[in-house]
Amino acid sequence: MKNSLAAVFLLLFNTTLFAQSEIDMATGLRSSGKIYVVVLVLLTIFVVLGVFLFLLDRRIKKLEK
């Protein structure tokens, strides 16, 4: 049991080392400044989703009362 658990941890650790390499698309977006547009769009989506869920929660609480 201990050996198999250690093997799984080593395998997972080994795969994360390969994920640390540079990604060409991210490097290109960063160098041209377009990464800020991507971050802004994602931030906008998450804020709108959060506001929608907050308002939906308030409506559901009113219906429950």
C-alpha atoms as a PDB file:
ATOM      1  CA  MET A   1       0.000   0.000   0.000  1.00  0.00           C
ATOM      2  CA  LYS A   2       2.744   2.453   0.959  1.00  0.00           C
ATOM      3  CA  ASN A   3       4.806   1.618  -2.124  1.00  0.00           C
ATOM      4  CA  SER A   4       1.895   2.127  -4.501  1.00  0.00           C
ATOM      5  CA  LEU A   5       0.978   5.427  -2.842  1.00  0.00           C
ATOM      6  CA  ALA A   6       4.555   6.640  -3.120  1.00  0.00           C
ATOM      7  CA  ALA A   7       4.646   5.599  -6.779  1.00  0.00           C
ATOM      8  CA  VAL A   8       1.484   7.587  -7.493  1.00  0.00           C
ATOM      9  CA  PHE A   9       2.920  10.693  -5.826  1.00  0.00           C
ATOM     10  CA  LEU A  10       6.166  10.366  -7.767  1.00  0.00           C
ATOM     11  CA  LEU A  11       4.263   9.937 -11.016  1.00  0.00           C
ATOM     12  CA  LEU A  12       2.131  13.014 -10.333  1.00  0.00           C
ATOM     13  CA  PHE A  13       5.182  15.050  -9.346  1.00  0.00           C
ATOM     14  CA  ASN A  14       6.998  13.986 -12.485  1.00  0.00           C
ATOM     15  CA  THR A  15       4.157  15.091 -14.776  1.00  0.00           C
ATOM     16  CA  THR A  16       4.027  18.542 -13.171  1.00  0.00           C
ATOM     17  CA  LEU A  17       7.666  19.090 -14.070  1.00  0.00           C
ATOM     18  CA  PHE A  18       6.827  18.813 -17.754  1.00  0.00           C
ATOM     19  CA  ALA A  19       3.969  21.295 -17.395  1.00  0.00           C
ATOM     20  CA  GLN A  20       6.402  24.051 -16.362  1.00  0.00           C
ATOM     21  CA  SER A  21       7.785  24.583 -19.868  1.00  0.00           C
ATOM     22  CA  GLU A  22       7.032  27.769 -21.825  1.00  0.00           C
ATOM     23  CA  ILE A  23       3.823  27.853 -23.824  1.00  0.00           C
ATOM     24  CA  ASP A  24       4.232  29.563 -27.171  1.00  0.00           C
ATOM     25  CA  MET A  25       0.724  31.013 -27.266  1.00  0.00           C
ATOM     26  CA  ALA A  26       1.063  32.545 -23.801  1.00  0.00           C
ATOM     27  CA  THR A  27       4.472  33.969 -24.649  1.00  0.00           C
ATOM     28  CA  GLY A  28       3.113  35.496 -27.845  1.00  0.00           C
ATOM     29  CA  LEU A  29       0.117  37.011 -26.081  1.00  0.00           C
ATOM     30  CA  ARG A  30       2.321  38.379 -23.323  1.00  0.00           C
ATOM     31  CA  SER A  31       4.805  39.947 -25.724  1.00  0.00           C
ATOM     32  CA  SER A  32       2.107  41.648 -27.805  1.00  0.00           C
ATOM     33  CA  GLY A  33       0.132  42.840 -24.770  1.00  0.00           C
ATOM     34  CA  LYS A  34      -2.988  40.886 -25.711  1.00  0.00           C
ATOM     35  CA  ILE A  35      -2.809  38.865 -22.517  1.00  0.00           C
ATOM     36  CA  TYR A  36      -4.377  41.839 -20.733  1.00  0.00           C
ATOM     37  CA  VAL A  37      -7.374  41.637 -23.067  1.00  0.00           C
ATOM     38  CA  VAL A  38      -7.763  37.945 -22.265  1.00  0.00           C
ATOM     39  CA  VAL A  39      -7.515  38.595 -18.529  1.00  0.00           C
ATOM     40  CA  LEU A  40     -10.019  41.461 -18.775  1.00  0.00           C
ATOM     41  CA  VAL A  41     -12.534  39.314 -20.688  1.00  0.00           C
ATOM     42  CA  LEU A  42     -12.207  36.460 -18.175  1.00  0.00           C
ATOM     43  CA  LEU A  43     -12.516  38.854 -15.252  1.00  0.00           C
ATOM     44  CA  THR A  44     -15.623  40.408 -16.802  1.00  0.00           C
ATOM     45  CA  ILE A  45     -17.202  36.983 -17.303  1.00  0.00           C
ATOM     46  CA  PHE A  46     -16.538  35.967 -13.697  1.00  0.00           C
ATOM     47  CA  VAL A  47     -17.835  39.271 -12.284  1.00  0.00           C
ATOM     48  CA  VAL A  48     -21.030  39.087 -14.344  1.00  0.00           C
ATOM     49  CA  LEU A  49     -21.519  35.462 -13.332  1.00  0.00           C
ATOM     50  CA  GLY A  50     -20.987  36.357  -9.667  1.00  0.00           C
ATOM     51  CA  VAL A  51     -23.476  39.234  -9.816  1.00  0.00           C
ATOM     52  CA  PHE A  52     -26.001  37.004 -11.571  1.00  0.00           C
ATOM     53  CA  LEU A  53     -25.653  34.302  -8.928  1.00  0.00           C
ATOM     54  CA  PHE A  54     -25.943  36.872  -6.129  1.00  0.00           C
ATOM     55  CA  LEU A  55     -29.146  38.322  -7.597  1.00  0.00           C
ATOM     56  CA  LEU A  56     -30.516  34.848  -8.231  1.00  0.00           C
ATOM     57  CA  ASP A  57     -29.856  33.919  -4.604  1.00  0.00           C
ATOM     58  CA  ARG A  58     -31.749  37.019  -3.413  1.00  0.00           C
ATOM     59  CA  ARG A  59     -34.728  36.138  -5.623  1.00  0.00           C
ATOM     60  CA  ILE A  60     -34.800  32.568  -4.353  1.00  0.00           C
ATOM     61  CA  LYS A  61     -34.689  33.771  -0.730  1.00  0.00           C
ATOM     62  CA  LYS A  62     -37.683  36.043  -1.426  1.00  0.00           C
ATOM     63  CA  LEU A  63     -39.593  33.124  -2.929  1.00  0.00           C
ATOM     64  CA  GLU A  64     -38.785  30.923   0.050  1.00  0.00           C
ATOM     65  CA  LYS A  65     -40.214  33.489   2.469  1.00  0.00           C
END
